[in-house]
Amino acid sequence: MYKKYFLWAFSQIFFPFFIVLFFVSSVILLITIAGSSYAIKLSFVDLTYLFVYSLPNTVFFIIPITFFASCTLAISRLSYDYEMLVFFSLGVRPLEVIRVFVPLTLIVSLTSLVFSLGAVPVSKRAFDNFIERKKVDVDINLKAGEFGQKIGDWLVYVGGVQDRTYRDLVLFSIRGMAFENFISAQEGKITNEGGVFALNLYRGKSYIAQQEEFKKVIFQEARIKTRVGEAPLSGYDLMEYWKDGLSGESHSKQRKFVKAILIAIFPLVSLFLIPLIGVANPRYHKNFSAFYILSSVVLYFVITQVMADAAPFVALALIPILWFVGCYFLYRWKIKPIY
């Protein structure tokens, strides 16, 4: 009976907490994705695809944190409502509270591993491939009055745009240290021919600076071609993706692999933190459970970040064991003798 009650208390916190975090993360994600349309045109359908491709990474981070926090807050709420004291008086031990959450914790950790080692790399490659295709297949989207827009080797600034015709264009290109080209034109149009962008410029001037000479060219019409390149599409073979990291050839993928596993198993290695933080006597203790949860999450993630960057596989071997053992000894010291 008490198992169902604990799970019910957990569900009352988990689902609202997850929905709120997911909504906030989705808003941030959409703002980030909108930046992808800075240099290329994306329709609403394209943005939807990019949002879906980005979801696995977002869900991967939300699930372990939300699950651990919800378990701990559920027990904490029962403690400060004097309900845990009733359960303890009926013979329910703190260890039995942990056992209630073990099956769910295993499911959450395995799900997070699937997301981190499978869905996240695949979705990331799908995201990159989609952007690369759009760079080749669609027209460049230049915005009036904005700096830093780039087409191939050219930095482009446009003063105004109307009906796909640009006015007051300024282009700048550096090809090595010995060549600079600065172009201004009153009007221009851009076309995409299979990844080769053609800039048709009208009524302008070109300034070419080389090591030994400086040239000025006045033109009525000029055409500049620049190849953006073929879409460098990547495959979706997970073994190939992680091979460099596992073999030690890519330190970056080593770090990603280790961090993915350590974050995924965070709820599992933190099982003893649930009663350690959640169980309390409301007569003698103030409710600082939210602070302790946040501190635990931040501490674990900081340790993971630092050690995984320095020695990835050493971190993978040591952090779960030391964290689990440390939580267990704190549980034996603070909770088991009293309850």
Protein backbone atom coordinates (compact mmCIF):
# COMPACT_ATOMS: atom_id res chain seq x y z
CA MET A 1 0.00 0.00 0.00
CA TYR A 2 2.76 2.43 0.96
CA LYS A 3 4.53 1.78 -2.37
CA LYS A 4 1.55 3.06 -4.34
CA TYR A 5 1.33 6.05 -2.03
CA PHE A 6 4.99 6.95 -2.56
CA LEU A 7 4.63 6.58 -6.33
CA TRP A 8 1.49 8.69 -6.29
CA ALA A 9 3.31 11.42 -4.34
CA PHE A 10 6.17 11.20 -6.85
CA SER A 11 3.83 11.53 -9.86
CA GLN A 12 2.19 14.62 -8.35
CA ILE A 13 5.56 16.40 -8.58
CA PHE A 14 7.27 14.76 -11.53
CA PHE A 15 4.78 15.48 -14.31
CA PRO A 16 4.19 19.21 -13.58
CA PHE A 17 7.93 19.66 -12.95
CA PHE A 18 8.83 17.91 -16.23
CA ILE A 19 6.25 19.86 -18.24
CA VAL A 20 7.49 23.21 -16.89
CA LEU A 21 11.17 22.39 -17.53
CA PHE A 22 10.33 21.01 -20.96
CA PHE A 23 8.39 24.14 -21.87
CA VAL A 24 11.18 26.47 -20.72
CA SER A 25 13.79 24.38 -22.54
CA SER A 26 11.66 24.35 -25.69
CA VAL A 27 11.38 28.14 -25.70
CA ILE A 28 15.16 28.47 -25.32
CA LEU A 29 15.62 25.84 -28.01
CA LEU A 30 13.35 27.65 -30.45
CA ILE A 31 15.22 30.90 -29.89
CA THR A 32 18.50 29.10 -30.56
CA ILE A 33 17.16 27.41 -33.69
CA ALA A 34 15.84 30.73 -35.00
CA GLY A 35 19.47 31.81 -35.24
CA SER A 36 19.91 29.14 -37.92
CA SER A 37 17.82 31.27 -40.27
CA TYR A 38 20.35 34.11 -40.04
CA ALA A 39 22.07 33.15 -43.28
CA ILE A 40 19.54 30.80 -44.89
CA LYS A 41 15.81 30.87 -45.37
CA LEU A 42 13.84 28.47 -43.18
CA SER A 43 10.10 27.96 -43.36
CA PHE A 44 7.90 27.05 -40.42
CA VAL A 45 8.09 23.40 -41.49
CA ASP A 46 11.90 23.60 -41.56
CA LEU A 47 11.95 25.07 -38.05
CA THR A 48 9.67 22.26 -36.91
CA TYR A 49 12.09 19.66 -38.30
CA LEU A 50 15.03 21.33 -36.55
CA PHE A 51 13.05 21.49 -33.30
CA VAL A 52 12.29 17.77 -33.49
CA TYR A 53 15.94 16.97 -34.25
CA SER A 54 16.99 18.96 -31.17
CA LEU A 55 14.50 17.36 -28.77
CA PRO A 56 16.53 14.23 -27.81
CA ASN A 57 19.38 16.31 -26.41
CA THR A 58 16.93 18.45 -24.43
CA VAL A 59 14.99 15.48 -23.05
CA PHE A 60 18.23 13.68 -22.18
CA PHE A 61 19.26 16.44 -19.76
CA ILE A 62 15.78 17.01 -18.33
CA ILE A 63 14.79 13.43 -17.45
CA PRO A 64 17.59 12.48 -14.97
CA ILE A 65 17.46 15.81 -13.13
CA THR A 66 13.66 15.94 -13.01
CA PHE A 67 13.38 12.34 -11.84
CA PHE A 68 15.89 12.72 -9.00
CA ALA A 69 14.44 16.04 -7.87
CA SER A 70 10.87 14.71 -7.98
CA CYS A 71 11.69 11.60 -5.93
CA THR A 72 13.45 13.65 -3.28
CA LEU A 73 10.82 16.40 -3.15
CA ALA A 74 8.04 13.81 -2.87
CA ILE A 75 9.64 12.22 0.20
CA SER A 76 10.42 15.67 1.59
CA ARG A 77 6.80 16.77 1.23
CA LEU A 78 5.60 13.64 3.01
CA SER A 79 8.15 14.25 5.78
CA TYR A 80 7.12 17.85 6.42
CA ASP A 81 3.44 16.86 6.29
CA TYR A 82 4.22 14.36 9.11
CA GLU A 83 3.21 11.46 6.87
CA MET A 84 6.66 9.84 6.80
CA LEU A 85 6.64 9.71 10.61
CA VAL A 86 3.42 7.72 10.39
CA PHE A 87 4.98 5.29 7.91
CA PHE A 88 8.06 4.88 10.11
CA SER A 89 5.87 4.19 13.15
CA LEU A 90 4.15 1.46 11.09
CA GLY A 91 7.49 -0.23 10.45
CA VAL A 92 8.45 1.19 7.06
CA ARG A 93 12.23 1.73 6.94
CA PRO A 94 14.11 4.33 4.84
CA LEU A 95 15.71 1.48 2.86
CA GLU A 96 12.24 0.39 1.76
CA VAL A 97 11.66 3.90 0.42
CA ILE A 98 14.72 3.43 -1.78
CA ARG A 99 13.48 0.04 -2.96
CA VAL A 100 10.23 1.62 -4.15
CA PHE A 101 12.12 3.84 -6.57
CA VAL A 102 14.73 1.30 -7.76
CA PRO A 103 12.68 -0.10 -10.71
CA LEU A 104 11.75 3.38 -11.93
CA THR A 105 15.34 4.53 -11.52
CA LEU A 106 16.63 1.66 -13.65
CA ILE A 107 14.08 2.47 -16.37
CA VAL A 108 15.01 6.17 -16.30
CA SER A 109 18.75 5.48 -16.41
CA LEU A 110 18.40 2.98 -19.28
CA THR A 111 16.15 5.40 -21.18
CA SER A 112 18.67 8.20 -20.67
CA LEU A 113 21.46 5.93 -21.93
CA VAL A 114 19.47 5.18 -25.08
CA PHE A 115 18.96 8.91 -25.61
CA SER A 116 22.56 9.88 -24.87
CA LEU A 117 24.37 7.14 -26.82
CA GLY A 118 21.84 6.64 -29.61
CA ALA A 119 19.20 9.26 -30.18
CA VAL A 120 21.33 12.33 -29.44
CA PRO A 121 24.17 11.55 -31.94
CA VAL A 122 21.68 10.53 -34.63
CA SER A 123 19.53 13.63 -34.14
CA LYS A 124 22.64 15.85 -34.06
CA ARG A 125 23.79 14.49 -37.41
CA ALA A 126 20.29 14.84 -38.81
CA PHE A 127 20.26 18.47 -37.65
CA ASP A 128 23.66 19.21 -39.25
CA ASN A 129 22.74 17.41 -42.48
CA PHE A 130 19.49 19.35 -42.71
CA ILE A 131 21.29 22.69 -42.32
CA GLU A 132 23.94 21.73 -44.88
CA ARG A 133 21.29 20.74 -47.42
CA LYS A 134 19.50 24.04 -46.90
CA LYS A 135 22.73 25.96 -47.48
CA VAL A 136 23.01 24.38 -50.90
CA ASP A 137 19.35 24.03 -51.89
CA VAL A 138 17.85 27.37 -50.91
CA ASP A 139 18.62 31.00 -51.58
CA ILE A 140 20.78 32.98 -49.23
CA ASN A 141 18.71 35.13 -46.91
CA LEU A 142 20.47 38.48 -46.53
CA LYS A 143 18.97 40.93 -44.08
CA ALA A 144 19.17 44.67 -44.47
CA GLY A 145 21.27 46.61 -41.99
CA GLU A 146 22.97 43.59 -40.36
CA PHE A 147 26.72 43.03 -40.16
CA GLY A 148 28.62 39.73 -40.30
CA GLN A 149 26.56 38.05 -43.03
CA LYS A 150 28.70 35.72 -45.12
CA ILE A 151 28.53 34.06 -48.54
CA GLY A 152 31.52 31.83 -49.14
CA ASP A 153 34.64 33.98 -48.71
CA TRP A 154 32.67 37.24 -48.81
CA LEU A 155 31.35 39.31 -45.95
CA VAL A 156 28.24 41.07 -47.20
CA TYR A 157 26.31 44.11 -45.97
CA VAL A 158 23.13 45.37 -47.64
CA GLY A 159 21.45 48.70 -46.98
CA GLY A 160 18.00 47.63 -48.14
CA VAL A 161 16.08 44.85 -49.88
CA GLN A 162 12.88 44.76 -51.92
CA ASP A 163 11.50 41.97 -54.10
CA ARG A 164 14.77 39.99 -53.95
CA THR A 165 16.74 43.02 -55.15
CA TYR A 166 19.40 44.37 -52.79
CA ARG A 167 20.45 48.01 -52.59
CA ASP A 168 23.66 49.63 -51.37
CA LEU A 169 25.73 46.47 -51.15
CA VAL A 170 29.17 46.32 -49.58
CA LEU A 171 31.33 43.19 -49.98
CA PHE A 172 34.71 42.44 -48.47
CA SER A 173 36.96 39.45 -49.02
CA ILE A 174 40.43 38.47 -47.83
CA ARG A 175 42.20 35.64 -49.63
CA GLY A 176 45.39 35.21 -47.69
CA MET A 177 47.54 38.03 -46.36
CA ALA A 178 48.47 39.32 -49.83
CA PHE A 179 45.06 40.00 -51.32
CA GLU A 180 42.08 42.12 -50.26
CA ASN A 181 39.00 43.02 -52.26
CA PHE A 182 36.44 45.64 -51.34
CA ILE A 183 33.35 46.16 -53.51
CA SER A 184 30.46 48.61 -53.25
CA ALA A 185 27.45 48.52 -55.56
CA GLN A 186 24.18 50.40 -55.75
CA GLU A 187 22.14 47.34 -56.62
CA GLY A 188 22.53 43.57 -56.74
CA LYS A 189 20.83 40.21 -57.03
CA ILE A 190 21.89 36.80 -55.76
CA THR A 191 21.10 33.47 -57.39
CA ASN A 192 21.89 29.92 -56.35
CA GLU A 193 22.81 27.42 -59.04
CA GLY A 194 23.42 24.09 -57.36
CA GLY A 195 25.56 25.44 -54.56
CA VAL A 196 27.29 28.10 -56.68
CA PHE A 197 26.07 31.54 -55.66
CA ALA A 198 26.21 34.25 -58.27
CA LEU A 199 26.22 37.89 -57.18
CA ASN A 200 25.07 40.17 -59.98
CA LEU A 201 26.17 43.69 -59.08
CA TYR A 202 25.19 46.91 -60.84
CA ARG A 203 26.76 50.38 -60.82
CA GLY A 204 29.60 50.01 -58.39
CA LYS A 205 33.30 50.19 -57.60
CA SER A 206 35.88 47.56 -56.75
CA TYR A 207 39.07 48.21 -54.80
CA ILE A 208 41.75 45.51 -55.02
CA ALA A 209 44.76 45.68 -52.72
CA GLN A 210 47.78 43.48 -53.41
CA GLN A 211 51.30 43.50 -52.02
CA GLU A 212 52.74 45.73 -54.74
CA GLU A 213 49.77 47.58 -56.20
CA PHE A 214 46.34 49.00 -55.53
CA LYS A 215 43.58 48.91 -58.19
CA LYS A 216 40.30 50.71 -58.53
CA VAL A 217 37.70 49.44 -61.00
CA ILE A 218 34.44 51.22 -61.85
CA PHE A 219 31.80 48.96 -63.37
CA GLN A 220 28.23 49.10 -64.60
CA GLU A 221 27.70 45.39 -64.17
CA ALA A 222 29.78 42.70 -62.51
CA ARG A 223 29.21 39.06 -61.72
CA ILE A 224 30.92 37.25 -58.88
CA LYS A 225 30.61 33.52 -58.34
CA THR A 226 31.40 31.80 -55.08
CA ARG A 227 30.94 28.13 -54.27
CA VAL A 228 29.43 27.40 -50.88
CA GLY A 229 30.17 23.74 -51.46
CA GLU A 230 28.32 20.47 -51.54
CA ALA A 231 26.48 19.46 -48.42
CA PRO A 232 29.00 17.56 -46.26
CA LEU A 233 26.46 14.98 -45.15
CA SER A 234 27.31 12.53 -42.38
CA GLY A 235 26.18 8.95 -41.89
CA TYR A 236 24.13 7.58 -39.03
CA ASP A 237 26.31 4.62 -37.99
CA LEU A 238 26.54 4.86 -34.19
CA MET A 239 29.49 2.47 -33.94
CA GLU A 240 31.39 4.60 -36.44
CA TYR A 241 30.40 7.75 -34.55
CA TRP A 242 31.75 6.51 -31.18
CA LYS A 243 34.70 4.52 -32.61
CA ASP A 244 37.17 7.40 -32.50
CA GLY A 245 36.29 8.13 -28.89
CA LEU A 246 36.50 4.53 -27.71
CA SER A 247 39.81 3.99 -29.49
CA GLY A 248 41.29 7.16 -28.01
CA GLU A 249 41.76 8.92 -31.36
CA SER A 250 39.28 11.70 -30.53
CA HIS A 251 39.50 13.22 -27.06
CA SER A 252 36.38 15.26 -27.79
CA LYS A 253 34.26 12.16 -28.43
CA GLN A 254 35.79 10.49 -25.41
CA ARG A 255 34.50 13.34 -23.25
CA LYS A 256 31.06 13.22 -24.89
CA PHE A 257 30.83 9.45 -24.39
CA VAL A 258 31.82 9.59 -20.72
CA LYS A 259 29.61 12.58 -19.92
CA ALA A 260 26.65 10.93 -21.63
CA ILE A 261 26.97 7.82 -19.44
CA LEU A 262 27.65 9.70 -16.21
CA ILE A 263 24.67 12.01 -16.66
CA ALA A 264 22.40 9.11 -17.61
CA ILE A 265 23.24 7.10 -14.47
CA PHE A 266 23.02 10.08 -12.12
CA PRO A 267 19.62 9.00 -10.64
CA LEU A 268 20.94 5.45 -10.13
CA VAL A 269 24.10 6.43 -8.24
CA SER A 270 22.14 9.01 -6.22
CA LEU A 271 19.51 6.63 -4.81
CA PHE A 272 20.70 7.05 -1.22
CA LEU A 273 20.46 10.82 -1.56
CA ILE A 274 16.65 10.51 -1.79
CA PRO A 275 16.12 9.60 1.90
CA LEU A 276 19.23 11.54 2.96
CA ILE A 277 17.72 14.80 1.69
CA GLY A 278 14.01 13.96 1.80
CA VAL A 279 13.62 12.30 5.20
CA ALA A 280 13.51 14.75 8.09
CA ASN A 281 11.70 15.44 11.34
CA PRO A 282 9.72 18.67 10.83
CA ARG A 283 9.96 19.45 14.55
CA TYR A 284 13.72 19.80 14.47
CA HIS A 285 14.62 20.55 10.86
CA LYS A 286 13.80 23.32 8.44
CA ASN A 287 12.99 22.37 4.89
CA PHE A 288 16.12 23.00 2.81
CA SER A 289 15.50 20.06 0.48
CA ALA A 290 15.34 22.21 -2.69
CA PHE A 291 18.71 23.76 -1.82
CA TYR A 292 20.28 20.36 -1.14
CA ILE A 293 18.89 18.95 -4.39
CA LEU A 294 20.27 21.85 -6.41
CA SER A 295 23.64 21.61 -4.64
CA SER A 296 23.86 17.86 -5.29
CA VAL A 297 23.03 18.23 -8.98
CA VAL A 298 25.48 21.10 -9.47
CA LEU A 299 28.26 19.29 -7.56
CA TYR A 300 27.83 16.08 -9.54
CA PHE A 301 27.74 17.87 -12.88
CA VAL A 302 30.78 20.02 -12.03
CA ILE A 303 32.79 16.96 -10.97
CA THR A 304 31.70 15.19 -14.14
CA GLN A 305 32.66 18.15 -16.32
CA VAL A 306 36.09 18.65 -14.74
CA MET A 307 37.14 15.00 -14.49
CA ALA A 308 35.74 14.00 -17.87
CA ASP A 309 37.74 16.79 -19.51
CA ALA A 310 40.94 15.79 -17.70
CA ALA A 311 40.76 11.98 -17.75
CA PRO A 312 37.55 10.66 -19.35
CA PHE A 313 37.81 6.92 -18.70
CA VAL A 314 39.24 7.42 -15.22
CA ALA A 315 36.23 9.62 -14.48
CA LEU A 316 33.89 6.94 -15.84
CA ALA A 317 35.42 4.37 -13.48
CA LEU A 318 35.74 6.50 -10.35
CA ILE A 319 32.86 8.97 -10.24
CA PRO A 320 29.93 6.48 -10.07
CA ILE A 321 31.65 4.36 -7.41
CA LEU A 322 32.83 7.25 -5.23
CA TRP A 323 29.50 9.11 -5.52
CA PHE A 324 27.43 6.02 -4.71
CA VAL A 325 29.66 4.98 -1.79
CA GLY A 326 29.77 8.56 -0.45
CA CYS A 327 25.97 8.84 -0.55
CA TYR A 328 25.60 5.46 1.12
CA PHE A 329 27.91 6.35 4.03
CA LEU A 330 26.13 9.68 4.52
CA TYR A 331 22.83 7.77 4.58
CA ARG A 332 24.17 5.32 7.18
CA TRP A 333 25.51 8.19 9.29
CA LYS A 334 22.56 10.60 9.15
CA ILE A 335 19.41 8.55 8.46
CA LYS A 336 19.72 4.86 9.30
CA PRO A 337 20.55 5.20 13.05
CA ILE A 338 17.56 7.53 13.62
CA TYR A 339 14.82 6.07 11.45
